[in-house]
Amino acid sequence: MEWMSFHDLFISLVHNRDISDAEKHFYLRASLQGEALSLVRQLPMDEQNYAVALGILQDRYQNHRMLVDAYLNQIINLPVVSSTTNIRREFYDPLQTAGADKVII
């Protein structure tokens, strides 16, 4: 789910700018770490591979089934609320951060 936030921000700040695809590819790779970076690290840093790299990441992380599963797991694993004063802490706050640890970008 962290991917969706990253993706939207990247599209706004980099992808939609009037710069070359080589520069976009550089900014994309510089913004990644962990598994996401390892998915595109082998691609040469050039204009043609920007679209390829972005496509690989979108195919991997915009998998709607995985997103639904992550959200459902967060809901299923919510703690039992013991009193009305704990509702926000035990129910609402975990939903706000659901899945933030699922994708390392």
PDB file of N, CA and C in Angstrom:
ATOM      1  N   MET A   1       0.803  -1.193   0.000  1.00  0.00           N
ATOM      2  CA  MET A   1       0.000   0.000   0.000  1.00  0.00           C
ATOM      3  C   MET A   1       0.848   1.260   0.000  1.00  0.00           C
ATOM      4  N   GLU A   2       2.018   1.129   0.527  1.00  0.00           N
ATOM      5  CA  GLU A   2       2.948   2.248   0.453  1.00  0.00           C
ATOM      6  C   GLU A   2       3.261   2.555  -1.016  1.00  0.00           C
ATOM      7  N   TRP A   3       3.221   1.527  -1.856  1.00  0.00           N
ATOM      8  CA  TRP A   3       3.484   1.718  -3.281  1.00  0.00           C
ATOM      9  C   TRP A   3       2.511   2.720  -3.894  1.00  0.00           C
ATOM     10  N   MET A   4       1.252   2.636  -3.548  1.00  0.00           N
ATOM     11  CA  MET A   4       0.260   3.519  -4.154  1.00  0.00           C
ATOM     12  C   MET A   4       0.576   4.987  -3.848  1.00  0.00           C
ATOM     13  N   SER A   5       0.964   5.271  -2.635  1.00  0.00           N
ATOM     14  CA  SER A   5       1.334   6.641  -2.274  1.00  0.00           C
ATOM     15  C   SER A   5       2.580   7.071  -3.039  1.00  0.00           C
ATOM     16  N   PHE A   6       3.572   6.185  -3.071  1.00  0.00           N
ATOM     17  CA  PHE A   6       4.802   6.489  -3.801  1.00  0.00           C
ATOM     18  C   PHE A   6       4.492   6.725  -5.276  1.00  0.00           C
ATOM     19  N   HIS A   7       3.718   5.836  -5.873  1.00  0.00           N
ATOM     20  CA  HIS A   7       3.408   5.911  -7.292  1.00  0.00           C
ATOM     21  C   HIS A   7       2.706   7.222  -7.634  1.00  0.00           C
ATOM     22  N   ASP A   8       1.685   7.568  -6.878  1.00  0.00           N
ATOM     23  CA  ASP A   8       0.943   8.803  -7.148  1.00  0.00           C
ATOM     24  C   ASP A   8       1.850  10.027  -7.046  1.00  0.00           C
ATOM     25  N   LEU A   9       2.681  10.055  -6.026  1.00  0.00           N
ATOM     26  CA  LEU A   9       3.598  11.178  -5.848  1.00  0.00           C
ATOM     27  C   LEU A   9       4.640  11.213  -6.966  1.00  0.00           C
ATOM     28  N   PHE A  10       5.185  10.064  -7.325  1.00  0.00           N
ATOM     29  CA  PHE A  10       6.185  10.009  -8.387  1.00  0.00           C
ATOM     30  C   PHE A  10       5.589  10.468  -9.716  1.00  0.00           C
ATOM     31  N   ILE A  11       4.396  10.027 -10.027  1.00  0.00           N
ATOM     32  CA  ILE A  11       3.741  10.432 -11.277  1.00  0.00           C
ATOM     33  C   ILE A  11       3.559  11.947 -11.296  1.00  0.00           C
ATOM     34  N   SER A  12       3.139  12.520 -10.178  1.00  0.00           N
ATOM     35  CA  SER A  12       2.930  13.969 -10.115  1.00  0.00           C
ATOM     36  C   SER A  12       4.221  14.758 -10.219  1.00  0.00           C
ATOM     37  N   LEU A  13       5.227  14.326  -9.483  1.00  0.00           N
ATOM     38  CA  LEU A  13       6.450  15.117  -9.391  1.00  0.00           C
ATOM     39  C   LEU A  13       7.476  14.849 -10.489  1.00  0.00           C
ATOM     40  N   VAL A  14       7.464  13.649 -11.067  1.00  0.00           N
ATOM     41  CA  VAL A  14       8.504  13.299 -12.034  1.00  0.00           C
ATOM     42  C   VAL A  14       7.913  12.919 -13.391  1.00  0.00           C
ATOM     43  N   HIS A  15       7.054  11.934 -13.399  1.00  0.00           N
ATOM     44  CA  HIS A  15       6.544  11.384 -14.659  1.00  0.00           C
ATOM     45  C   HIS A  15       5.856  12.436 -15.527  1.00  0.00           C
ATOM     46  N   ASN A  16       5.078  13.307 -14.925  1.00  0.00           N
ATOM     47  CA  ASN A  16       4.331  14.314 -15.682  1.00  0.00           C
ATOM     48  C   ASN A  16       5.146  15.565 -16.012  1.00  0.00           C
ATOM     49  N   ARG A  17       6.405  15.611 -15.604  1.00  0.00           N
ATOM     50  CA  ARG A  17       7.267  16.765 -15.909  1.00  0.00           C
ATOM     51  C   ARG A  17       7.818  16.655 -17.323  1.00  0.00           C
ATOM     52  N   ASP A  18       8.193  17.780 -17.855  1.00  0.00           N
ATOM     53  CA  ASP A  18       8.752  17.841 -19.204  1.00  0.00           C
ATOM     54  C   ASP A  18      10.270  17.630 -19.139  1.00  0.00           C
ATOM     55  N   ILE A  19      10.659  16.388 -18.830  1.00  0.00           N
ATOM     56  CA  ILE A  19      12.071  16.001 -18.801  1.00  0.00           C
ATOM     57  C   ILE A  19      12.206  14.704 -19.588  1.00  0.00           C
ATOM     58  N   SER A  20      13.409  14.348 -19.947  1.00  0.00           N
ATOM     59  CA  SER A  20      13.621  13.137 -20.749  1.00  0.00           C
ATOM     60  C   SER A  20      13.292  11.879 -19.951  1.00  0.00           C
ATOM     61  N   ASP A  21      12.998  10.810 -20.677  1.00  0.00           N
ATOM     62  CA  ASP A  21      12.747   9.526 -20.016  1.00  0.00           C
ATOM     63  C   ASP A  21      13.993   9.003 -19.310  1.00  0.00           C
ATOM     64  N   ALA A  22      15.157   9.364 -19.799  1.00  0.00           N
ATOM     65  CA  ALA A  22      16.390   8.956 -19.117  1.00  0.00           C
ATOM     66  C   ALA A  22      16.458   9.601 -17.732  1.00  0.00           C
ATOM     67  N   GLU A  23      16.093  10.886 -17.646  1.00  0.00           N
ATOM     68  CA  GLU A  23      16.075  11.569 -16.347  1.00  0.00           C
ATOM     69  C   GLU A  23      15.008  10.963 -15.433  1.00  0.00           C
ATOM     70  N   LYS A  24      13.849  10.662 -15.989  1.00  0.00           N
ATOM     71  CA  LYS A  24      12.780  10.033 -15.200  1.00  0.00           C
ATOM     72  C   LYS A  24      13.243   8.686 -14.661  1.00  0.00           C
ATOM     73  N   HIS A  25      13.949   7.924 -15.515  1.00  0.00           N
ATOM     74  CA  HIS A  25      14.466   6.629 -15.092  1.00  0.00           C
ATOM     75  C   HIS A  25      15.464   6.799 -13.945  1.00  0.00           C
ATOM     76  N   PHE A  26      16.321   7.798 -14.061  1.00  0.00           N
ATOM     77  CA  PHE A  26      17.280   8.078 -12.994  1.00  0.00           C
ATOM     78  C   PHE A  26      16.553   8.395 -11.684  1.00  0.00           C
ATOM     79  N   TYR A  27      15.554   9.270 -11.732  1.00  0.00           N
ATOM     80  CA  TYR A  27      14.809   9.632 -10.524  1.00  0.00           C
ATOM     81  C   TYR A  27      14.053   8.440  -9.952  1.00  0.00           C
ATOM     82  N   LEU A  28      13.518   7.607 -10.826  1.00  0.00           N
ATOM     83  CA  LEU A  28      12.811   6.414 -10.355  1.00  0.00           C
ATOM     84  C   LEU A  28      13.764   5.503  -9.600  1.00  0.00           C
ATOM     85  N   ARG A  29      14.884   5.169 -10.207  1.00  0.00           N
ATOM     86  CA  ARG A  29      15.848   4.276  -9.551  1.00  0.00           C
ATOM     87  C   ARG A  29      16.391   4.878  -8.271  1.00  0.00           C
ATOM     88  N   ALA A  30      16.626   6.173  -8.250  1.00  0.00           N
ATOM     89  CA  ALA A  30      17.150   6.829  -7.053  1.00  0.00           C
ATOM     90  C   ALA A  30      16.134   6.817  -5.917  1.00  0.00           C
ATOM     91  N   SER A  31      14.858   6.647  -6.233  1.00  0.00           N
ATOM     92  CA  SER A  31      13.794   6.667  -5.218  1.00  0.00           C
ATOM     93  C   SER A  31      13.492   5.297  -4.644  1.00  0.00           C
ATOM     94  N   LEU A  32      14.053   4.258  -5.211  1.00  0.00           N
ATOM     95  CA  LEU A  32      13.715   2.894  -4.806  1.00  0.00           C
ATOM     96  C   LEU A  32      14.759   2.305  -3.868  1.00  0.00           C
ATOM     97  N   GLN A  33      14.311   1.295  -3.120  1.00  0.00           N
ATOM     98  CA  GLN A  33      15.214   0.514  -2.279  1.00  0.00           C
ATOM     99  C   GLN A  33      14.627  -0.876  -2.117  1.00  0.00           C
ATOM    100  N   GLY A  34      15.387  -1.768  -1.574  1.00  0.00           N
ATOM    101  CA  GLY A  34      14.909  -3.111  -1.270  1.00  0.00           C
ATOM    102  C   GLY A  34      14.451  -3.883  -2.489  1.00  0.00           C
ATOM    103  N   GLU A  35      13.349  -4.608  -2.326  1.00  0.00           N
ATOM    104  CA  GLU A  35      12.817  -5.458  -3.385  1.00  0.00           C
ATOM    105  C   GLU A  35      12.489  -4.665  -4.648  1.00  0.00           C
ATOM    106  N   ALA A  36      11.908  -3.487  -4.481  1.00  0.00           N
ATOM    107  CA  ALA A  36      11.528  -2.675  -5.643  1.00  0.00           C
ATOM    108  C   ALA A  36      12.759  -2.341  -6.488  1.00  0.00           C
ATOM    109  N   LEU A  37      13.832  -1.963  -5.851  1.00  0.00           N
ATOM    110  CA  LEU A  37      15.057  -1.652  -6.580  1.00  0.00           C
ATOM    111  C   LEU A  37      15.616  -2.896  -7.259  1.00  0.00           C
ATOM    112  N   SER A  38      15.585  -4.022  -6.580  1.00  0.00           N
ATOM    113  CA  SER A  38      16.133  -5.249  -7.168  1.00  0.00           C
ATOM    114  C   SER A  38      15.354  -5.687  -8.410  1.00  0.00           C
ATOM    115  N   LEU A  39      14.094  -5.311  -8.512  1.00  0.00           N
ATOM    116  CA  LEU A  39      13.293  -5.664  -9.686  1.00  0.00           C
ATOM    117  C   LEU A  39      13.769  -4.955 -10.948  1.00  0.00           C
ATOM    118  N   VAL A  40      14.326  -3.754 -10.813  1.00  0.00           N
ATOM    119  CA  VAL A  40      14.687  -2.956 -11.988  1.00  0.00           C
ATOM    120  C   VAL A  40      16.189  -2.654 -12.091  1.00  0.00           C
ATOM    121  N   ARG A  41      16.948  -3.091 -11.127  1.00  0.00           N
ATOM    122  CA  ARG A  41      18.388  -2.787 -11.076  1.00  0.00           C
ATOM    123  C   ARG A  41      19.130  -3.271 -12.317  1.00  0.00           C
ATOM    124  N   GLN A  42      18.716  -4.398 -12.884  1.00  0.00           N
ATOM    125  CA  GLN A  42      19.440  -4.980 -14.014  1.00  0.00           C
ATOM    126  C   GLN A  42      19.204  -4.234 -15.320  1.00  0.00           C
ATOM    127  N   LEU A  43      18.223  -3.361 -15.384  1.00  0.00           N
ATOM    128  CA  LEU A  43      17.940  -2.629 -16.619  1.00  0.00           C
ATOM    129  C   LEU A  43      18.952  -1.514 -16.839  1.00  0.00           C
ATOM    130  N   PRO A  44      19.459  -1.379 -18.055  1.00  0.00           N
ATOM    131  CA  PRO A  44      20.353  -0.251 -18.344  1.00  0.00           C
ATOM    132  C   PRO A  44      19.622   1.071 -18.116  1.00  0.00           C
ATOM    133  N   MET A  45      20.354   2.051 -17.625  1.00  0.00           N
ATOM    134  CA  MET A  45      19.775   3.363 -17.323  1.00  0.00           C
ATOM    135  C   MET A  45      19.728   4.182 -18.611  1.00  0.00           C
ATOM    136  N   ASP A  46      18.611   4.062 -19.347  1.00  0.00           N
ATOM    137  CA  ASP A  46      18.464   4.822 -20.587  1.00  0.00           C
ATOM    138  C   ASP A  46      16.988   5.144 -20.838  1.00  0.00           C
ATOM    139  N   GLU A  47      16.734   5.895 -21.891  1.00  0.00           N
ATOM    140  CA  GLU A  47      15.379   6.353 -22.215  1.00  0.00           C
ATOM    141  C   GLU A  47      14.410   5.198 -22.426  1.00  0.00           C
ATOM    142  N   GLN A  48      14.843   4.190 -23.169  1.00  0.00           N
ATOM    143  CA  GLN A  48      13.952   3.090 -23.533  1.00  0.00           C
ATOM    144  C   GLN A  48      13.501   2.277 -22.324  1.00  0.00           C
ATOM    145  N   ASN A  49      14.339   2.188 -21.317  1.00  0.00           N
ATOM    146  CA  ASN A  49      14.027   1.327 -20.180  1.00  0.00           C
ATOM    147  C   ASN A  49      13.231   2.011 -19.068  1.00  0.00           C
ATOM    148  N   TYR A  50      12.980   3.297 -19.171  1.00  0.00           N
ATOM    149  CA  TYR A  50      12.149   3.955 -18.162  1.00  0.00           C
ATOM    150  C   TYR A  50      10.757   3.338 -18.148  1.00  0.00           C
ATOM    151  N   ALA A  51      10.134   3.231 -19.314  1.00  0.00           N
ATOM    152  CA  ALA A  51       8.786   2.660 -19.397  1.00  0.00           C
ATOM    153  C   ALA A  51       8.791   1.197 -18.961  1.00  0.00           C
ATOM    154  N   VAL A  52       9.851   0.479 -19.292  1.00  0.00           N
ATOM    155  CA  VAL A  52       9.977  -0.926 -18.894  1.00  0.00           C
ATOM    156  C   VAL A  52      10.050  -1.028 -17.370  1.00  0.00           C
ATOM    157  N   ALA A  53      10.907  -0.220 -16.752  1.00  0.00           N
ATOM    158  CA  ALA A  53      11.071  -0.245 -15.294  1.00  0.00           C
ATOM    159  C   ALA A  53       9.764   0.125 -14.592  1.00  0.00           C
ATOM    160  N   LEU A  54       9.126   1.179 -15.043  1.00  0.00           N
ATOM    161  CA  LEU A  54       7.863   1.592 -14.427  1.00  0.00           C
ATOM    162  C   LEU A  54       6.806   0.504 -14.588  1.00  0.00           C
ATOM    163  N   GLY A  55       6.776  -0.125 -15.751  1.00  0.00           N
ATOM    164  CA  GLY A  55       5.828  -1.215 -15.988  1.00  0.00           C
ATOM    165  C   GLY A  55       6.063  -2.407 -15.083  1.00  0.00           C
ATOM    166  N   ILE A  56       7.328  -2.769 -14.882  1.00  0.00           N
ATOM    167  CA  ILE A  56       7.657  -3.887 -13.982  1.00  0.00           C
ATOM    168  C   ILE A  56       7.151  -3.596 -12.574  1.00  0.00           C
ATOM    169  N   LEU A  57       7.398  -2.390 -12.100  1.00  0.00           N
ATOM    170  CA  LEU A  57       6.970  -2.019 -10.748  1.00  0.00           C
ATOM    171  C   LEU A  57       5.448  -1.972 -10.640  1.00  0.00           C
ATOM    172  N   GLN A  58       4.792  -1.442 -11.645  1.00  0.00           N
ATOM    173  CA  GLN A  58       3.332  -1.387 -11.622  1.00  0.00           C
ATOM    174  C   GLN A  58       2.739  -2.787 -11.655  1.00  0.00           C
ATOM    175  N   ASP A  59       3.297  -3.667 -12.475  1.00  0.00           N
ATOM    176  CA  ASP A  59       2.801  -5.050 -12.527  1.00  0.00           C
ATOM    177  C   ASP A  59       2.945  -5.743 -11.182  1.00  0.00           C
ATOM    178  N   ARG A  60       4.045  -5.484 -10.499  1.00  0.00           N
ATOM    179  CA  ARG A  60       4.304  -6.147  -9.212  1.00  0.00           C
ATOM    180  C   ARG A  60       3.475  -5.559  -8.077  1.00  0.00           C
ATOM    181  N   TYR A  61       3.443  -4.235  -7.977  1.00  0.00           N
ATOM    182  CA  TYR A  61       2.859  -3.619  -6.792  1.00  0.00           C
ATOM    183  C   TYR A  61       1.441  -3.098  -6.962  1.00  0.00           C
ATOM    184  N   GLN A  62       0.958  -3.000  -8.175  1.00  0.00           N
ATOM    185  CA  GLN A  62      -0.426  -2.595  -8.355  1.00  0.00           C
ATOM    186  C   GLN A  62      -1.310  -3.803  -8.610  1.00  0.00           C
ATOM    187  N   ASN A  63      -0.924  -4.901  -8.030  1.00  0.00           N
ATOM    188  CA  ASN A  63      -1.688  -6.132  -8.093  1.00  0.00           C
ATOM    189  C   ASN A  63      -2.880  -5.978  -7.147  1.00  0.00           C
ATOM    190  N   HIS A  64      -4.053  -5.776  -7.723  1.00  0.00           N
ATOM    191  CA  HIS A  64      -5.229  -5.476  -6.905  1.00  0.00           C
ATOM    192  C   HIS A  64      -5.586  -6.614  -5.950  1.00  0.00           C
ATOM    193  N   ARG A  65      -5.328  -7.838  -6.340  1.00  0.00           N
ATOM    194  CA  ARG A  65      -5.624  -8.970  -5.455  1.00  0.00           C
ATOM    195  C   ARG A  65      -4.742  -8.906  -4.201  1.00  0.00           C
ATOM    196  N   MET A  66      -3.458  -8.571  -4.393  1.00  0.00           N
ATOM    197  CA  MET A  66      -2.557  -8.439  -3.243  1.00  0.00           C
ATOM    198  C   MET A  66      -2.993  -7.300  -2.334  1.00  0.00           C
ATOM    199  N   LEU A  67      -3.433  -6.195  -2.917  1.00  0.00           N
ATOM    200  CA  LEU A  67      -3.884  -5.056  -2.114  1.00  0.00           C
ATOM    201  C   LEU A  67      -5.111  -5.423  -1.299  1.00  0.00           C
ATOM    202  N   VAL A  68      -6.062  -6.092  -1.932  1.00  0.00           N
ATOM    203  CA  VAL A  68      -7.274  -6.513  -1.217  1.00  0.00           C
ATOM    204  C   VAL A  68      -6.908  -7.472  -0.090  1.00  0.00           C
ATOM    205  N   ASP A  69      -6.039  -8.436  -0.375  1.00  0.00           N
ATOM    206  CA  ASP A  69      -5.611  -9.386   0.657  1.00  0.00           C
ATOM    207  C   ASP A  69      -4.941  -8.680   1.836  1.00  0.00           C
ATOM    208  N   ALA A  70      -4.099  -7.708   1.550  1.00  0.00           N
ATOM    209  CA  ALA A  70      -3.412  -6.976   2.624  1.00  0.00           C
ATOM    210  C   ALA A  70      -4.408  -6.213   3.482  1.00  0.00           C
ATOM    211  N   TYR A  71      -5.369  -5.539   2.849  1.00  0.00           N
ATOM    212  CA  TYR A  71      -6.385  -4.812   3.613  1.00  0.00           C
ATOM    213  C   TYR A  71      -7.237  -5.772   4.443  1.00  0.00           C
ATOM    214  N   LEU A  72      -7.653  -6.875   3.858  1.00  0.00           N
ATOM    215  CA  LEU A  72      -8.467  -7.838   4.601  1.00  0.00           C
ATOM    216  C   LEU A  72      -7.701  -8.425   5.779  1.00  0.00           C
ATOM    217  N   ASN A  73      -6.428  -8.722   5.586  1.00  0.00           N
ATOM    218  CA  ASN A  73      -5.621  -9.238   6.696  1.00  0.00           C
ATOM    219  C   ASN A  73      -5.529  -8.225   7.824  1.00  0.00           C
ATOM    220  N   GLN A  74      -5.379  -6.963   7.491  1.00  0.00           N
ATOM    221  CA  GLN A  74      -5.338  -5.922   8.520  1.00  0.00           C
ATOM    222  C   GLN A  74      -6.663  -5.870   9.284  1.00  0.00           C
ATOM    223  N   ILE A  75      -7.770  -5.968   8.572  1.00  0.00           N
ATOM    224  CA  ILE A  75      -9.082  -5.918   9.226  1.00  0.00           C
ATOM    225  C   ILE A  75      -9.288  -7.154  10.092  1.00  0.00           C
ATOM    226  N   ILE A  76      -8.959  -8.315   9.564  1.00  0.00           N
ATOM    227  CA  ILE A  76      -9.134  -9.568  10.313  1.00  0.00           C
ATOM    228  C   ILE A  76      -8.283  -9.584  11.574  1.00  0.00           C
ATOM    229  N   ASN A  77      -7.102  -8.991  11.519  1.00  0.00           N
ATOM    230  CA  ASN A  77      -6.177  -9.020  12.650  1.00  0.00           C
ATOM    231  C   ASN A  77      -6.330  -7.844  13.609  1.00  0.00           C
ATOM    232  N   LEU A  78      -7.396  -7.058  13.446  1.00  0.00           N
ATOM    233  CA  LEU A  78      -7.627  -5.966  14.388  1.00  0.00           C
ATOM    234  C   LEU A  78      -7.921  -6.543  15.765  1.00  0.00           C
ATOM    235  N   PRO A  79      -7.455  -5.896  16.816  1.00  0.00           N
ATOM    236  CA  PRO A  79      -7.705  -6.406  18.164  1.00  0.00           C
ATOM    237  C   PRO A  79      -9.170  -6.246  18.569  1.00  0.00           C
ATOM    238  N   VAL A  80      -9.574  -7.067  19.516  1.00  0.00           N
ATOM    239  CA  VAL A  80     -10.917  -6.957  20.079  1.00  0.00           C
ATOM    240  C   VAL A  80     -10.943  -5.722  20.965  1.00  0.00           C
ATOM    241  N   VAL A  81     -11.960  -4.903  20.775  1.00  0.00           N
ATOM    242  CA  VAL A  81     -12.070  -3.667  21.556  1.00  0.00           C
ATOM    243  C   VAL A  81     -12.663  -4.010  22.913  1.00  0.00           C
ATOM    244  N   SER A  82     -11.935  -3.614  23.964  1.00  0.00           N
ATOM    245  CA  SER A  82     -12.368  -3.968  25.309  1.00  0.00           C
ATOM    246  C   SER A  82     -13.273  -2.921  25.946  1.00  0.00           C
ATOM    247  N   SER A  83     -13.196  -1.678  25.501  1.00  0.00           N
ATOM    248  CA  SER A  83     -14.092  -0.642  26.022  1.00  0.00           C
ATOM    249  C   SER A  83     -14.231   0.451  24.979  1.00  0.00           C
ATOM    250  N   THR A  84     -15.248   1.265  25.131  1.00  0.00           N
ATOM    251  CA  THR A  84     -15.495   2.309  24.129  1.00  0.00           C
ATOM    252  C   THR A  84     -14.388   3.355  24.099  1.00  0.00           C
ATOM    253  N   THR A  85     -13.669   3.528  25.189  1.00  0.00           N
ATOM    254  CA  THR A  85     -12.589   4.524  25.196  1.00  0.00           C
ATOM    255  C   THR A  85     -11.392   4.075  24.365  1.00  0.00           C
ATOM    256  N   ASN A  86     -11.285   2.766  24.118  1.00  0.00           N
ATOM    257  CA  ASN A  86     -10.158   2.237  23.355  1.00  0.00           C
ATOM    258  C   ASN A  86     -10.477   2.061  21.869  1.00  0.00           C
ATOM    259  N   ILE A  87     -11.671   2.430  21.450  1.00  0.00           N
ATOM    260  CA  ILE A  87     -12.070   2.189  20.060  1.00  0.00           C
ATOM    261  C   ILE A  87     -11.119   2.866  19.083  1.00  0.00           C
ATOM    262  N   ARG A  88     -10.822   4.133  19.299  1.00  0.00           N
ATOM    263  CA  ARG A  88      -9.945   4.830  18.357  1.00  0.00           C
ATOM    264  C   ARG A  88      -8.555   4.198  18.325  1.00  0.00           C
ATOM    265  N   ARG A  89      -7.986   3.953  19.472  1.00  0.00           N
ATOM    266  CA  ARG A  89      -6.631   3.409  19.531  1.00  0.00           C
ATOM    267  C   ARG A  89      -6.564   1.991  18.954  1.00  0.00           C
ATOM    268  N   GLU A  90      -7.544   1.164  19.236  1.00  0.00           N
ATOM    269  CA  GLU A  90      -7.479  -0.234  18.847  1.00  0.00           C
ATOM    270  C   GLU A  90      -8.092  -0.526  17.484  1.00  0.00           C
ATOM    271  N   PHE A  91      -8.964   0.339  16.993  1.00  0.00           N
ATOM    272  CA  PHE A  91      -9.640   0.040  15.730  1.00  0.00           C
ATOM    273  C   PHE A  91      -9.320   1.042  14.628  1.00  0.00           C
ATOM    274  N   TYR A  92      -9.559   2.311  14.893  1.00  0.00           N
ATOM    275  CA  TYR A  92      -9.404   3.332  13.854  1.00  0.00           C
ATOM    276  C   TYR A  92      -7.943   3.546  13.451  1.00  0.00           C
ATOM    277  N   ASP A  93      -7.055   3.705  14.412  1.00  0.00           N
ATOM    278  CA  ASP A  93      -5.649   3.968  14.092  1.00  0.00           C
ATOM    279  C   ASP A  93      -5.007   2.853  13.259  1.00  0.00           C
ATOM    280  N   PRO A  94      -5.203   1.564  13.581  1.00  0.00           N
ATOM    281  CA  PRO A  94      -4.625   0.523  12.721  1.00  0.00           C
ATOM    282  C   PRO A  94      -5.179   0.544  11.298  1.00  0.00           C
ATOM    283  N   LEU A  95      -6.438   0.910  11.124  1.00  0.00           N
ATOM    284  CA  LEU A  95      -6.988   0.993   9.774  1.00  0.00           C
ATOM    285  C   LEU A  95      -6.344   2.112   8.977  1.00  0.00           C
ATOM    286  N   GLN A  96      -5.993   3.200   9.640  1.00  0.00           N
ATOM    287  CA  GLN A  96      -5.358   4.330   8.962  1.00  0.00           C
ATOM    288  C   GLN A  96      -3.986   3.963   8.416  1.00  0.00           C
ATOM    289  N   THR A  97      -3.293   3.066   9.110  1.00  0.00           N
ATOM    290  CA  THR A  97      -1.948   2.684   8.683  1.00  0.00           C
ATOM    291  C   THR A  97      -1.915   1.291   8.068  1.00  0.00           C
ATOM    292  N   ALA A  98      -3.066   0.760   7.696  1.00  0.00           N
ATOM    293  CA  ALA A  98      -3.136  -0.592   7.160  1.00  0.00           C
ATOM    294  C   ALA A  98      -2.198  -0.782   5.993  1.00  0.00           C
ATOM    295  N   GLY A  99      -1.339  -1.762   6.116  1.00  0.00           N
ATOM    296  CA  GLY A  99      -0.472  -2.143   5.017  1.00  0.00           C
ATOM    297  C   GLY A  99       0.740  -1.270   4.807  1.00  0.00           C
ATOM    298  N   ALA A 100       1.005  -0.312   5.658  1.00  0.00           N
ATOM    299  CA  ALA A 100       2.144   0.572   5.434  1.00  0.00           C
ATOM    300  C   ALA A 100       3.461  -0.189   5.412  1.00  0.00           C
ATOM    301  N   ASP A 101       3.483  -1.371   6.040  1.00  0.00           N
ATOM    302  CA  ASP A 101       4.726  -2.137   6.068  1.00  0.00           C
ATOM    303  C   ASP A 101       4.792  -3.227   4.999  1.00  0.00           C
ATOM    304  N   LYS A 102       3.844  -3.264   4.095  1.00  0.00           N
ATOM    305  CA  LYS A 102       3.777  -4.354   3.121  1.00  0.00           C
ATOM    306  C   LYS A 102       4.749  -4.193   1.965  1.00  0.00           C
ATOM    307  N   VAL A 103       5.016  -2.974   1.530  1.00  0.00           N
ATOM    308  CA  VAL A 103       5.892  -2.749   0.389  1.00  0.00           C
ATOM    309  C   VAL A 103       6.999  -1.800   0.799  1.00  0.00           C
ATOM    310  N   ILE A 104       8.207  -2.229   0.573  1.00  0.00           N
ATOM    311  CA  ILE A 104       9.351  -1.358   0.895  1.00  0.00           C
ATOM    312  C   ILE A 104       9.753  -0.649  -0.376  1.00  0.00           C
ATOM    313  N   ILE A 105       9.680   0.626  -0.354  1.00  0.00           N
ATOM    314  CA  ILE A 105      10.042   1.444  -1.519  1.00  0.00           C
ATOM    315  C   ILE A 105      11.255   2.275  -1.148  1.00  0.00           C
TER     316      ILE A 105
END
